[in-house]
């Protein structure tokens, strides 16, 4: 049964734990279709399909779950030699998701800020991906993560341009760990992003983040 007192994070933790157990049992080693995920998680925790979809999408966006796409060419109905492309998506826990549930191992990436007692710095937040952000900049940090994914998926940018923009995004995120980010560094990095993005989606998203940075007096 679903408890009305469950928080969003508790629901996500249970869903990710299900994926982890699925992987351990080898039942989901090659991934599961979303219909199977919905059915089994409802059986285990009582979550409705839309609840599962919402949180699986979030966990995919933050790379705790991998999506594997398989394309198959099959004859179209009616024959005539026409082929129809069939796409199947399967979902399985990622290495990052396994580390989150089971704890890090010797094979896990090293922490970016190892040796620093972050809990002693009350204004910082340690994110699930190992990044650190000053609490007042958390929202814009998350938007920068989303923009980085859009850049990586862009069909309009070549790889060199993607790398330049991604490096500038990381520069800004590193500054957001500070209580007082350096405006000069932020401005140079942001100008690089603005000059590099193309296409309506990226330009609009960049404008949104630029407004957030200006509102925080960072530009």
N, C-alpha and C. Protein backbone atom coordinates (compact mmCIF):
# COMPACT_ATOMS: atom_id res chain seq x y z
N UNK A 1 0.83 -1.20 0.00
CA UNK A 1 0.00 0.00 0.00
C UNK A 1 0.87 1.26 0.00
N UNK A 2 0.35 2.31 -0.65
CA UNK A 2 1.06 3.57 -0.68
C UNK A 2 0.70 4.40 0.54
N UNK A 3 1.70 4.86 1.27
CA UNK A 3 1.45 5.70 2.43
C UNK A 3 1.33 7.15 1.99
N UNK A 4 0.33 7.83 2.51
CA UNK A 4 0.13 9.23 2.15
C UNK A 4 1.22 10.12 2.74
N UNK A 5 1.96 9.59 3.70
CA UNK A 5 3.00 10.39 4.35
C UNK A 5 4.35 10.23 3.66
N UNK A 6 4.43 9.40 2.64
CA UNK A 6 5.70 9.19 1.95
C UNK A 6 6.13 10.46 1.23
N UNK A 7 7.40 10.79 1.36
CA UNK A 7 7.94 11.94 0.64
C UNK A 7 8.33 11.52 -0.77
N UNK A 8 8.57 12.51 -1.61
CA UNK A 8 9.02 12.24 -2.98
C UNK A 8 10.31 11.43 -2.97
N UNK A 9 11.25 11.80 -2.11
CA UNK A 9 12.53 11.09 -2.06
C UNK A 9 12.35 9.64 -1.60
N UNK A 10 11.42 9.41 -0.68
CA UNK A 10 11.18 8.04 -0.22
C UNK A 10 10.63 7.16 -1.34
N UNK A 11 9.74 7.74 -2.15
CA UNK A 11 9.19 7.00 -3.29
C UNK A 11 10.29 6.68 -4.28
N UNK A 12 11.12 7.68 -4.59
CA UNK A 12 12.21 7.46 -5.55
C UNK A 12 13.21 6.42 -5.03
N UNK A 13 13.48 6.46 -3.73
CA UNK A 13 14.41 5.49 -3.15
C UNK A 13 13.86 4.07 -3.30
N UNK A 14 12.55 3.89 -3.06
CA UNK A 14 11.95 2.56 -3.19
C UNK A 14 11.98 2.07 -4.64
N UNK A 15 11.71 2.98 -5.57
CA UNK A 15 11.73 2.60 -6.98
C UNK A 15 13.14 2.22 -7.41
N UNK A 16 14.13 3.02 -7.01
CA UNK A 16 15.51 2.72 -7.38
C UNK A 16 15.98 1.43 -6.70
N UNK A 17 15.53 1.19 -5.47
CA UNK A 17 15.87 -0.05 -4.77
C UNK A 17 15.31 -1.25 -5.51
N UNK A 18 14.11 -1.09 -6.05
CA UNK A 18 13.51 -2.19 -6.84
C UNK A 18 14.40 -2.50 -8.04
N UNK A 19 14.88 -1.47 -8.73
CA UNK A 19 15.77 -1.68 -9.88
C UNK A 19 17.06 -2.37 -9.45
N UNK A 20 17.56 -2.00 -8.27
CA UNK A 20 18.80 -2.60 -7.77
C UNK A 20 18.60 -4.10 -7.49
N UNK A 21 17.50 -4.44 -6.83
CA UNK A 21 17.20 -5.84 -6.55
C UNK A 21 16.96 -6.62 -7.83
N UNK A 22 16.33 -5.98 -8.78
CA UNK A 22 16.07 -6.60 -10.08
C UNK A 22 17.39 -6.96 -10.75
N UNK A 23 18.35 -6.08 -10.67
CA UNK A 23 19.66 -6.31 -11.27
C UNK A 23 20.40 -7.43 -10.55
N UNK A 24 20.30 -7.45 -9.22
CA UNK A 24 20.98 -8.49 -8.44
C UNK A 24 20.43 -9.87 -8.75
N UNK A 25 19.13 -9.93 -9.01
CA UNK A 25 18.50 -11.22 -9.26
C UNK A 25 18.72 -11.70 -10.69
N UNK A 26 19.30 -10.84 -11.52
CA UNK A 26 19.56 -11.11 -12.94
C UNK A 26 18.29 -11.09 -13.77
N UNK A 27 17.13 -10.85 -13.14
CA UNK A 27 15.88 -10.78 -13.91
C UNK A 27 15.86 -9.55 -14.81
N UNK A 28 16.49 -8.46 -14.32
CA UNK A 28 16.48 -7.24 -15.11
C UNK A 28 17.83 -6.86 -15.64
N UNK A 29 18.72 -7.84 -15.80
CA UNK A 29 20.08 -7.54 -16.21
C UNK A 29 20.13 -6.89 -17.59
N UNK A 30 19.17 -7.25 -18.44
CA UNK A 30 19.12 -6.65 -19.77
C UNK A 30 18.13 -5.52 -19.86
N UNK A 31 17.53 -5.16 -18.72
CA UNK A 31 16.55 -4.09 -18.70
C UNK A 31 15.13 -4.62 -18.83
N UNK A 32 14.18 -3.80 -18.40
CA UNK A 32 12.77 -4.14 -18.48
C UNK A 32 12.02 -3.07 -19.24
N UNK A 33 11.00 -3.47 -19.97
CA UNK A 33 10.11 -2.50 -20.60
C UNK A 33 9.35 -1.76 -19.52
N UNK A 34 8.93 -0.54 -19.82
CA UNK A 34 8.27 0.28 -18.81
C UNK A 34 7.00 -0.37 -18.30
N UNK A 35 6.31 -1.13 -19.16
CA UNK A 35 5.08 -1.81 -18.72
C UNK A 35 5.38 -2.84 -17.64
N UNK A 36 6.53 -3.54 -17.78
CA UNK A 36 6.94 -4.51 -16.77
C UNK A 36 7.36 -3.80 -15.48
N UNK A 37 8.06 -2.70 -15.62
CA UNK A 37 8.46 -1.91 -14.45
C UNK A 37 7.22 -1.44 -13.68
N UNK A 38 6.24 -0.91 -14.41
CA UNK A 38 5.01 -0.43 -13.78
C UNK A 38 4.29 -1.56 -13.04
N UNK A 39 4.17 -2.71 -13.69
CA UNK A 39 3.45 -3.84 -13.10
C UNK A 39 4.13 -4.35 -11.84
N UNK A 40 5.46 -4.53 -11.90
CA UNK A 40 6.17 -5.11 -10.77
C UNK A 40 6.30 -4.14 -9.60
N UNK A 41 6.48 -2.85 -9.88
CA UNK A 41 6.57 -1.88 -8.78
C UNK A 41 5.21 -1.67 -8.14
N UNK A 42 4.15 -1.74 -8.92
CA UNK A 42 2.81 -1.67 -8.33
C UNK A 42 2.57 -2.87 -7.42
N UNK A 43 3.04 -4.04 -7.86
CA UNK A 43 2.90 -5.25 -7.05
C UNK A 43 3.70 -5.13 -5.75
N UNK A 44 4.89 -4.54 -5.84
CA UNK A 44 5.77 -4.43 -4.67
C UNK A 44 5.37 -3.31 -3.72
N UNK A 45 4.95 -2.16 -4.28
CA UNK A 45 4.72 -0.98 -3.44
C UNK A 45 3.35 -0.32 -3.61
N UNK A 46 2.58 -0.77 -4.58
CA UNK A 46 1.25 -0.21 -4.76
C UNK A 46 1.19 1.09 -5.53
N UNK A 47 2.31 1.52 -6.13
CA UNK A 47 2.33 2.79 -6.85
C UNK A 47 1.61 2.67 -8.19
N UNK A 48 0.80 3.66 -8.50
CA UNK A 48 0.10 3.67 -9.77
C UNK A 48 1.06 3.97 -10.91
N UNK A 49 0.60 3.66 -12.12
CA UNK A 49 1.44 3.80 -13.30
C UNK A 49 2.00 5.22 -13.45
N UNK A 50 1.15 6.23 -13.27
CA UNK A 50 1.61 7.60 -13.46
C UNK A 50 2.66 8.00 -12.43
N UNK A 51 2.56 7.44 -11.22
CA UNK A 51 3.55 7.72 -10.18
C UNK A 51 4.90 7.12 -10.57
N UNK A 52 4.85 5.88 -11.05
CA UNK A 52 6.08 5.21 -11.49
C UNK A 52 6.71 5.97 -12.64
N UNK A 53 5.89 6.36 -13.62
CA UNK A 53 6.41 7.10 -14.78
C UNK A 53 7.09 8.39 -14.37
N UNK A 54 6.44 9.13 -13.47
CA UNK A 54 6.99 10.42 -13.02
C UNK A 54 8.38 10.27 -12.42
N UNK A 55 8.52 9.29 -11.53
CA UNK A 55 9.78 9.18 -10.80
C UNK A 55 10.85 8.44 -11.60
N UNK A 56 10.45 7.52 -12.45
CA UNK A 56 11.43 6.88 -13.33
C UNK A 56 12.01 7.92 -14.29
N UNK A 57 11.17 8.81 -14.81
CA UNK A 57 11.65 9.88 -15.69
C UNK A 57 12.68 10.74 -14.97
N UNK A 58 12.41 11.10 -13.73
CA UNK A 58 13.35 11.89 -12.94
C UNK A 58 14.67 11.15 -12.76
N UNK A 59 14.59 9.86 -12.41
CA UNK A 59 15.79 9.08 -12.16
C UNK A 59 16.59 8.86 -13.45
N UNK A 60 15.91 8.79 -14.57
CA UNK A 60 16.59 8.69 -15.86
C UNK A 60 17.32 10.01 -16.15
N UNK A 61 16.63 11.14 -15.93
CA UNK A 61 17.22 12.45 -16.21
C UNK A 61 18.51 12.66 -15.42
N UNK A 62 18.56 12.13 -14.21
CA UNK A 62 19.75 12.30 -13.37
C UNK A 62 20.68 11.08 -13.41
N UNK A 63 20.42 10.19 -14.38
CA UNK A 63 21.33 9.08 -14.72
C UNK A 63 21.45 8.02 -13.62
N UNK A 64 20.42 7.89 -12.78
CA UNK A 64 20.39 6.78 -11.83
C UNK A 64 19.85 5.53 -12.51
N UNK A 65 19.13 5.72 -13.60
CA UNK A 65 18.58 4.63 -14.41
C UNK A 65 18.99 4.86 -15.85
N UNK A 66 19.41 3.79 -16.51
CA UNK A 66 19.76 3.86 -17.93
C UNK A 66 18.57 3.43 -18.80
N UNK A 67 18.45 4.06 -19.96
CA UNK A 67 17.45 3.65 -20.95
C UNK A 67 18.19 3.11 -22.16
N UNK A 68 17.88 1.88 -22.53
CA UNK A 68 18.52 1.27 -23.69
C UNK A 68 17.49 1.16 -24.81
N UNK A 69 17.83 1.69 -25.97
CA UNK A 69 16.91 1.73 -27.11
C UNK A 69 17.35 0.71 -28.15
N UNK A 70 16.42 -0.15 -28.54
CA UNK A 70 16.69 -1.15 -29.57
C UNK A 70 15.79 -0.87 -30.77
N UNK A 71 16.40 -0.77 -31.95
CA UNK A 71 15.64 -0.54 -33.18
C UNK A 71 15.69 -1.77 -34.06
N UNK A 72 14.52 -2.19 -34.52
CA UNK A 72 14.42 -3.39 -35.36
C UNK A 72 13.61 -3.05 -36.61
N UNK A 73 14.11 -3.46 -37.76
CA UNK A 73 13.39 -3.28 -39.01
C UNK A 73 12.53 -4.52 -39.26
N UNK A 74 11.23 -4.30 -39.45
CA UNK A 74 10.30 -5.41 -39.67
C UNK A 74 9.41 -5.08 -40.86
N UNK A 75 8.95 -6.09 -41.61
CA UNK A 75 8.05 -5.82 -42.75
C UNK A 75 6.78 -5.12 -42.28
N UNK A 76 6.38 -4.10 -43.02
CA UNK A 76 5.16 -3.38 -42.67
C UNK A 76 3.95 -4.22 -43.05
N UNK A 77 2.84 -3.93 -42.38
CA UNK A 77 1.60 -4.62 -42.71
C UNK A 77 1.20 -4.32 -44.15
N UNK A 78 0.70 -5.34 -44.83
CA UNK A 78 0.31 -5.15 -46.22
C UNK A 78 1.38 -5.56 -47.19
N UNK A 79 2.58 -5.83 -46.66
CA UNK A 79 3.66 -6.31 -47.52
C UNK A 79 4.19 -5.24 -48.44
N UNK A 80 4.51 -5.64 -49.66
CA UNK A 80 5.04 -4.70 -50.64
C UNK A 80 6.51 -4.41 -50.46
N UNK A 81 7.15 -5.14 -49.58
CA UNK A 81 8.59 -4.93 -49.37
C UNK A 81 8.94 -3.75 -48.49
N UNK A 82 7.92 -3.05 -47.98
CA UNK A 82 8.18 -1.89 -47.13
C UNK A 82 8.58 -2.35 -45.73
N UNK A 83 9.59 -1.69 -45.17
CA UNK A 83 10.04 -2.01 -43.82
C UNK A 83 9.56 -0.95 -42.83
N UNK A 84 9.21 -1.39 -41.65
CA UNK A 84 8.77 -0.49 -40.59
C UNK A 84 9.75 -0.61 -39.43
N UNK A 85 10.16 0.54 -38.89
CA UNK A 85 11.10 0.52 -37.77
C UNK A 85 10.35 0.40 -36.45
N UNK A 86 10.72 -0.59 -35.68
CA UNK A 86 10.12 -0.80 -34.36
C UNK A 86 11.15 -0.44 -33.30
N UNK A 87 10.75 0.40 -32.35
CA UNK A 87 11.66 0.85 -31.29
C UNK A 87 11.21 0.30 -29.94
N UNK A 88 12.13 -0.32 -29.24
CA UNK A 88 11.86 -0.85 -27.90
C UNK A 88 12.79 -0.19 -26.90
N UNK A 89 12.24 0.29 -25.79
CA UNK A 89 13.04 0.88 -24.73
C UNK A 89 13.03 -0.03 -23.51
N UNK A 90 14.20 -0.22 -22.93
CA UNK A 90 14.29 -1.00 -21.70
C UNK A 90 15.04 -0.19 -20.65
N UNK A 91 14.67 -0.42 -19.40
CA UNK A 91 15.19 0.38 -18.29
C UNK A 91 15.92 -0.51 -17.31
N UNK A 92 17.10 -0.06 -16.88
CA UNK A 92 17.85 -0.80 -15.86
C UNK A 92 18.66 0.19 -15.03
N UNK A 93 19.02 -0.21 -13.83
CA UNK A 93 19.77 0.67 -12.94
C UNK A 93 21.17 0.90 -13.49
N UNK A 94 21.68 2.10 -13.30
CA UNK A 94 23.03 2.44 -13.75
C UNK A 94 24.03 2.19 -12.63
N UNK A 95 25.31 2.31 -12.95
CA UNK A 95 26.35 2.17 -11.91
C UNK A 95 26.17 3.25 -10.85
N UNK A 96 25.80 4.44 -11.28
CA UNK A 96 25.56 5.53 -10.33
C UNK A 96 24.41 5.18 -9.40
N UNK A 97 23.36 4.58 -9.95
CA UNK A 97 22.22 4.18 -9.12
C UNK A 97 22.59 3.09 -8.13
N UNK A 98 23.42 2.14 -8.57
CA UNK A 98 23.85 1.06 -7.68
C UNK A 98 24.71 1.61 -6.54
N UNK A 99 25.58 2.56 -6.86
CA UNK A 99 26.40 3.19 -5.81
C UNK A 99 25.51 3.90 -4.80
N UNK A 100 24.45 4.54 -5.29
CA UNK A 100 23.56 5.29 -4.40
C UNK A 100 22.84 4.35 -3.43
N UNK A 101 22.41 3.20 -3.91
CA UNK A 101 21.66 2.26 -3.07
C UNK A 101 22.59 1.41 -2.21
N UNK A 102 23.62 0.86 -2.82
CA UNK A 102 24.47 -0.11 -2.12
C UNK A 102 25.72 0.49 -1.50
N UNK A 103 26.03 1.75 -1.83
CA UNK A 103 27.25 2.36 -1.33
C UNK A 103 28.37 2.26 -2.34
N UNK A 104 29.32 3.14 -2.25
CA UNK A 104 30.42 3.18 -3.20
C UNK A 104 31.40 2.04 -2.98
N UNK A 105 32.09 1.67 -4.06
CA UNK A 105 33.10 0.62 -4.00
C UNK A 105 34.44 1.18 -4.45
N UNK A 106 35.44 0.32 -4.48
CA UNK A 106 36.77 0.75 -4.93
C UNK A 106 36.76 1.18 -6.39
N UNK A 107 35.73 0.76 -7.14
CA UNK A 107 35.64 1.09 -8.56
C UNK A 107 34.88 2.39 -8.80
N UNK A 108 34.28 2.95 -7.75
CA UNK A 108 33.49 4.17 -7.91
C UNK A 108 34.39 5.38 -8.16
N UNK A 109 33.91 6.37 -8.93
CA UNK A 109 34.70 7.58 -9.14
C UNK A 109 35.01 8.27 -7.81
N UNK A 110 36.18 8.87 -7.72
CA UNK A 110 36.57 9.56 -6.50
C UNK A 110 35.75 10.84 -6.32
N UNK A 111 35.50 11.18 -5.07
CA UNK A 111 34.76 12.40 -4.76
C UNK A 111 35.56 13.62 -5.19
N UNK A 112 34.88 14.62 -5.74
CA UNK A 112 35.55 15.83 -6.20
C UNK A 112 36.13 16.63 -5.03
N UNK A 113 35.49 16.55 -3.87
CA UNK A 113 35.91 17.36 -2.73
C UNK A 113 36.33 16.47 -1.56
N UNK A 114 37.06 15.41 -1.86
CA UNK A 114 37.49 14.52 -0.79
C UNK A 114 38.45 15.25 0.14
N UNK A 115 38.37 14.92 1.43
CA UNK A 115 39.24 15.54 2.42
C UNK A 115 38.68 16.82 3.01
N UNK A 116 37.51 17.24 2.51
CA UNK A 116 36.89 18.46 3.04
C UNK A 116 35.64 18.08 3.82
N UNK A 117 35.52 18.55 5.03
CA UNK A 117 34.35 18.27 5.86
C UNK A 117 33.23 19.22 5.46
N UNK A 118 32.44 18.79 4.49
CA UNK A 118 31.40 19.66 3.96
C UNK A 118 30.29 19.93 4.96
N UNK A 119 30.08 19.00 5.90
CA UNK A 119 29.02 19.20 6.90
C UNK A 119 29.34 20.36 7.82
N UNK A 120 30.62 20.72 7.88
CA UNK A 120 31.01 21.85 8.73
C UNK A 120 30.72 23.19 8.07
N UNK A 121 30.40 23.13 6.79
CA UNK A 121 30.07 24.36 6.05
C UNK A 121 28.56 24.37 5.88
N UNK A 122 27.87 25.02 6.76
CA UNK A 122 26.41 24.92 6.82
C UNK A 122 25.68 25.41 5.59
N UNK A 123 26.34 26.23 4.75
CA UNK A 123 25.65 26.80 3.60
C UNK A 123 25.74 25.93 2.35
N UNK A 124 26.50 24.81 2.40
CA UNK A 124 26.69 23.98 1.21
C UNK A 124 25.76 22.77 1.22
N UNK A 125 25.47 22.29 0.01
CA UNK A 125 24.64 21.11 -0.17
C UNK A 125 25.42 20.13 -1.03
N UNK A 126 25.54 18.87 -0.59
CA UNK A 126 26.18 17.82 -1.38
C UNK A 126 25.10 17.13 -2.19
N UNK A 127 25.21 17.18 -3.51
CA UNK A 127 24.21 16.60 -4.39
C UNK A 127 24.51 15.13 -4.64
N UNK A 128 23.52 14.43 -5.19
CA UNK A 128 23.65 12.99 -5.41
C UNK A 128 24.74 12.63 -6.40
N UNK A 129 25.11 13.56 -7.28
CA UNK A 129 26.14 13.26 -8.27
C UNK A 129 27.54 13.62 -7.79
N UNK A 130 27.68 13.95 -6.50
CA UNK A 130 28.98 14.27 -5.94
C UNK A 130 29.35 15.72 -6.04
N UNK A 131 28.54 16.52 -6.75
CA UNK A 131 28.80 17.95 -6.83
C UNK A 131 28.39 18.65 -5.55
N UNK A 132 28.99 19.81 -5.31
CA UNK A 132 28.67 20.62 -4.15
C UNK A 132 28.17 21.96 -4.63
N UNK A 133 27.13 22.48 -3.99
CA UNK A 133 26.59 23.78 -4.36
C UNK A 133 26.21 24.55 -3.11
N UNK A 134 26.43 25.85 -3.13
CA UNK A 134 25.93 26.68 -2.05
C UNK A 134 24.41 26.63 -2.09
N UNK A 135 23.79 26.48 -0.94
CA UNK A 135 22.35 26.23 -0.88
C UNK A 135 21.53 27.28 -1.62
N UNK A 136 21.95 28.52 -1.60
CA UNK A 136 21.16 29.58 -2.24
C UNK A 136 21.21 29.50 -3.77
N UNK A 137 22.13 28.70 -4.31
CA UNK A 137 22.26 28.58 -5.76
C UNK A 137 21.81 27.21 -6.28
N UNK A 138 21.16 26.45 -5.44
CA UNK A 138 20.82 25.08 -5.82
C UNK A 138 19.91 25.02 -7.05
N UNK A 139 18.91 25.88 -7.13
CA UNK A 139 17.95 25.83 -8.25
C UNK A 139 18.64 26.08 -9.58
N UNK A 140 19.50 27.10 -9.64
CA UNK A 140 20.17 27.39 -10.90
C UNK A 140 21.19 26.31 -11.24
N UNK A 141 21.78 25.68 -10.23
CA UNK A 141 22.70 24.55 -10.45
C UNK A 141 21.96 23.40 -11.13
N UNK A 142 20.73 23.11 -10.67
CA UNK A 142 19.95 22.04 -11.28
C UNK A 142 19.59 22.38 -12.72
N UNK A 143 19.28 23.64 -12.99
CA UNK A 143 18.96 24.05 -14.36
C UNK A 143 20.19 23.93 -15.26
N UNK A 144 21.36 24.21 -14.73
CA UNK A 144 22.59 24.04 -15.51
C UNK A 144 22.82 22.57 -15.84
N UNK A 145 22.50 21.68 -14.91
CA UNK A 145 22.59 20.24 -15.18
C UNK A 145 21.68 19.85 -16.34
N UNK A 146 20.46 20.38 -16.31
CA UNK A 146 19.51 20.06 -17.38
C UNK A 146 19.99 20.62 -18.72
N UNK A 147 20.54 21.82 -18.68
CA UNK A 147 21.05 22.41 -19.92
C UNK A 147 22.21 21.59 -20.47
N UNK A 148 23.09 21.09 -19.60
CA UNK A 148 24.21 20.27 -20.04
C UNK A 148 23.71 19.04 -20.78
N UNK A 149 22.62 18.47 -20.30
CA UNK A 149 22.06 17.30 -20.97
C UNK A 149 21.49 17.68 -22.34
N UNK A 150 20.82 18.83 -22.42
CA UNK A 150 20.30 19.29 -23.70
C UNK A 150 21.43 19.53 -24.70
N UNK A 151 22.52 20.08 -24.21
CA UNK A 151 23.68 20.32 -25.08
C UNK A 151 24.23 18.99 -25.60
N UNK A 152 24.37 18.02 -24.70
CA UNK A 152 24.88 16.71 -25.11
C UNK A 152 24.00 16.02 -26.13
N UNK A 153 22.69 16.24 -26.04
CA UNK A 153 21.73 15.59 -26.95
C UNK A 153 21.49 16.39 -28.23
N UNK A 154 22.05 17.60 -28.31
CA UNK A 154 21.76 18.48 -29.44
C UNK A 154 22.24 17.88 -30.77
N UNK A 155 21.39 18.02 -31.78
CA UNK A 155 21.75 17.59 -33.14
C UNK A 155 22.32 18.76 -33.94
N UNK A 156 22.27 19.96 -33.37
CA UNK A 156 22.71 21.15 -34.10
C UNK A 156 24.14 21.57 -33.76
N UNK A 157 24.69 20.99 -32.70
CA UNK A 157 26.05 21.34 -32.28
C UNK A 157 27.01 20.21 -32.61
N UNK A 158 28.22 20.55 -33.07
CA UNK A 158 29.22 19.50 -33.26
C UNK A 158 29.89 19.19 -31.92
N UNK A 159 30.69 18.14 -31.89
CA UNK A 159 31.26 17.68 -30.62
C UNK A 159 32.20 18.71 -30.00
N UNK A 160 32.94 19.42 -30.83
CA UNK A 160 33.87 20.44 -30.31
C UNK A 160 33.09 21.54 -29.60
N UNK A 161 32.00 21.97 -30.20
CA UNK A 161 31.18 23.03 -29.60
C UNK A 161 30.51 22.52 -28.32
N UNK A 162 30.05 21.27 -28.35
CA UNK A 162 29.44 20.69 -27.14
C UNK A 162 30.44 20.68 -25.99
N UNK A 163 31.69 20.34 -26.29
CA UNK A 163 32.72 20.29 -25.24
C UNK A 163 32.98 21.68 -24.68
N UNK A 164 33.06 22.69 -25.56
CA UNK A 164 33.30 24.07 -25.10
C UNK A 164 32.18 24.53 -24.16
N UNK A 165 30.93 24.30 -24.57
CA UNK A 165 29.79 24.75 -23.76
C UNK A 165 29.73 23.98 -22.45
N UNK A 166 29.96 22.68 -22.53
CA UNK A 166 29.91 21.84 -21.32
C UNK A 166 30.98 22.28 -20.32
N UNK A 167 32.17 22.62 -20.82
CA UNK A 167 33.25 23.08 -19.94
C UNK A 167 32.86 24.39 -19.26
N UNK A 168 32.21 25.29 -20.01
CA UNK A 168 31.77 26.56 -19.42
C UNK A 168 30.68 26.33 -18.37
N UNK A 169 29.79 25.38 -18.63
CA UNK A 169 28.75 25.05 -17.65
C UNK A 169 29.39 24.54 -16.36
N UNK A 170 30.39 23.66 -16.49
CA UNK A 170 31.07 23.12 -15.31
C UNK A 170 31.81 24.22 -14.55
N UNK A 171 32.37 25.19 -15.28
CA UNK A 171 33.05 26.32 -14.63
C UNK A 171 32.07 27.09 -13.75
N UNK A 172 30.88 27.33 -14.28
CA UNK A 172 29.87 28.06 -13.50
C UNK A 172 29.44 27.23 -12.30
N UNK A 173 29.21 25.95 -12.49
CA UNK A 173 28.79 25.08 -11.38
C UNK A 173 29.85 25.05 -10.28
N UNK A 174 31.12 25.03 -10.66
CA UNK A 174 32.20 25.05 -9.65
C UNK A 174 32.15 26.34 -8.84
N UNK A 175 31.89 27.45 -9.49
CA UNK A 175 31.80 28.73 -8.78
C UNK A 175 30.60 28.75 -7.82
N UNK A 176 29.55 28.02 -8.16
CA UNK A 176 28.34 28.02 -7.32
C UNK A 176 28.53 27.24 -6.02
N UNK A 177 29.69 26.61 -5.85
CA UNK A 177 30.00 25.98 -4.57
C UNK A 177 30.44 27.02 -3.55
N UNK A 178 30.84 28.18 -4.04
CA UNK A 178 31.35 29.23 -3.16
C UNK A 178 30.22 30.09 -2.59
N UNK A 179 30.47 30.65 -1.42
CA UNK A 179 29.52 31.61 -0.86
C UNK A 179 29.50 32.89 -1.69
N UNK A 180 30.66 33.25 -2.26
CA UNK A 180 30.78 34.46 -3.07
C UNK A 180 31.47 34.13 -4.40
N UNK A 181 30.70 33.62 -5.37
CA UNK A 181 31.29 33.29 -6.68
C UNK A 181 31.95 34.50 -7.33
N UNK A 182 32.98 34.25 -8.12
CA UNK A 182 33.71 35.33 -8.78
C UNK A 182 32.98 35.72 -10.06
N UNK A 183 32.46 36.95 -10.07
CA UNK A 183 31.63 37.40 -11.19
C UNK A 183 32.40 37.41 -12.51
N UNK A 184 33.67 37.75 -12.47
CA UNK A 184 34.45 37.79 -13.70
C UNK A 184 34.49 36.42 -14.37
N UNK A 185 34.73 35.38 -13.58
CA UNK A 185 34.77 34.02 -14.12
C UNK A 185 33.40 33.62 -14.63
N UNK A 186 32.36 33.93 -13.85
CA UNK A 186 30.99 33.59 -14.24
C UNK A 186 30.62 34.28 -15.55
N UNK A 187 30.95 35.55 -15.66
CA UNK A 187 30.58 36.31 -16.86
C UNK A 187 31.26 35.76 -18.11
N UNK A 188 32.57 35.45 -18.00
CA UNK A 188 33.29 34.91 -19.16
C UNK A 188 32.71 33.56 -19.58
N UNK A 189 32.45 32.72 -18.60
CA UNK A 189 31.89 31.40 -18.91
C UNK A 189 30.50 31.54 -19.51
N UNK A 190 29.70 32.45 -18.95
CA UNK A 190 28.33 32.60 -19.46
C UNK A 190 28.33 33.18 -20.86
N UNK A 191 29.22 34.10 -21.15
CA UNK A 191 29.31 34.64 -22.50
C UNK A 191 29.69 33.55 -23.50
N UNK A 192 30.57 32.64 -23.07
CA UNK A 192 30.93 31.52 -23.93
C UNK A 192 29.74 30.63 -24.25
N UNK A 193 28.89 30.41 -23.25
CA UNK A 193 27.69 29.60 -23.45
C UNK A 193 26.73 30.30 -24.41
N UNK A 194 26.49 31.57 -24.16
CA UNK A 194 25.54 32.32 -25.00
C UNK A 194 25.98 32.36 -26.45
N UNK A 195 27.29 32.52 -26.68
CA UNK A 195 27.80 32.58 -28.03
C UNK A 195 27.80 31.22 -28.71
N UNK A 196 27.82 30.16 -27.91
CA UNK A 196 27.92 28.82 -28.48
C UNK A 196 26.61 28.16 -28.81
N UNK A 197 25.54 28.49 -28.05
CA UNK A 197 24.28 27.77 -28.25
C UNK A 197 23.61 28.21 -29.55
N UNK A 198 22.95 27.26 -30.19
CA UNK A 198 22.16 27.52 -31.39
C UNK A 198 20.86 26.75 -31.27
N UNK A 199 19.85 27.15 -32.06
CA UNK A 199 18.57 26.45 -32.03
C UNK A 199 17.69 27.02 -30.94
N UNK A 200 16.39 27.04 -31.22
CA UNK A 200 15.43 27.67 -30.32
C UNK A 200 15.45 27.10 -28.91
N UNK A 201 15.52 25.78 -28.80
CA UNK A 201 15.46 25.14 -27.48
C UNK A 201 16.60 25.61 -26.58
N UNK A 202 17.83 25.54 -27.09
CA UNK A 202 18.99 25.90 -26.28
C UNK A 202 19.05 27.40 -26.01
N UNK A 203 18.70 28.21 -27.01
CA UNK A 203 18.72 29.66 -26.82
C UNK A 203 17.72 30.07 -25.74
N UNK A 204 16.52 29.51 -25.81
CA UNK A 204 15.49 29.83 -24.82
C UNK A 204 15.90 29.37 -23.43
N UNK A 205 16.52 28.19 -23.36
CA UNK A 205 16.93 27.67 -22.05
C UNK A 205 18.06 28.51 -21.49
N UNK A 206 18.98 28.93 -22.36
CA UNK A 206 20.07 29.79 -21.92
C UNK A 206 19.53 31.11 -21.38
N UNK A 207 18.52 31.66 -22.05
CA UNK A 207 17.92 32.92 -21.59
C UNK A 207 17.29 32.74 -20.21
N UNK A 208 16.66 31.60 -19.99
CA UNK A 208 16.05 31.32 -18.68
C UNK A 208 17.11 31.28 -17.58
N UNK A 209 18.21 30.59 -17.85
CA UNK A 209 19.26 30.48 -16.83
C UNK A 209 19.96 31.82 -16.65
N UNK A 210 20.14 32.56 -17.73
CA UNK A 210 20.74 33.89 -17.61
C UNK A 210 19.93 34.80 -16.70
N UNK A 211 18.60 34.70 -16.82
CA UNK A 211 17.72 35.49 -15.96
C UNK A 211 17.88 35.07 -14.50
N UNK A 212 18.00 33.76 -14.27
CA UNK A 212 18.20 33.27 -12.89
C UNK A 212 19.53 33.76 -12.31
N UNK A 213 20.60 33.70 -13.11
CA UNK A 213 21.91 34.16 -12.64
C UNK A 213 21.90 35.65 -12.35
N UNK A 214 21.23 36.42 -13.23
CA UNK A 214 21.15 37.87 -13.00
C UNK A 214 20.33 38.17 -11.76
N UNK A 215 19.26 37.40 -11.56
CA UNK A 215 18.41 37.61 -10.38
C UNK A 215 19.14 37.34 -9.08
N UNK A 216 20.17 36.50 -9.15
CA UNK A 216 20.99 36.19 -7.97
C UNK A 216 22.20 37.12 -7.87
N UNK A 217 22.23 38.13 -8.76
CA UNK A 217 23.34 39.10 -8.80
C UNK A 217 24.68 38.44 -9.09
N UNK A 218 24.65 37.41 -9.95
CA UNK A 218 25.87 36.68 -10.30
C UNK A 218 26.45 37.14 -11.64
N UNK A 219 25.67 37.91 -12.40
CA UNK A 219 26.16 38.43 -13.68
C UNK A 219 26.07 39.95 -13.67
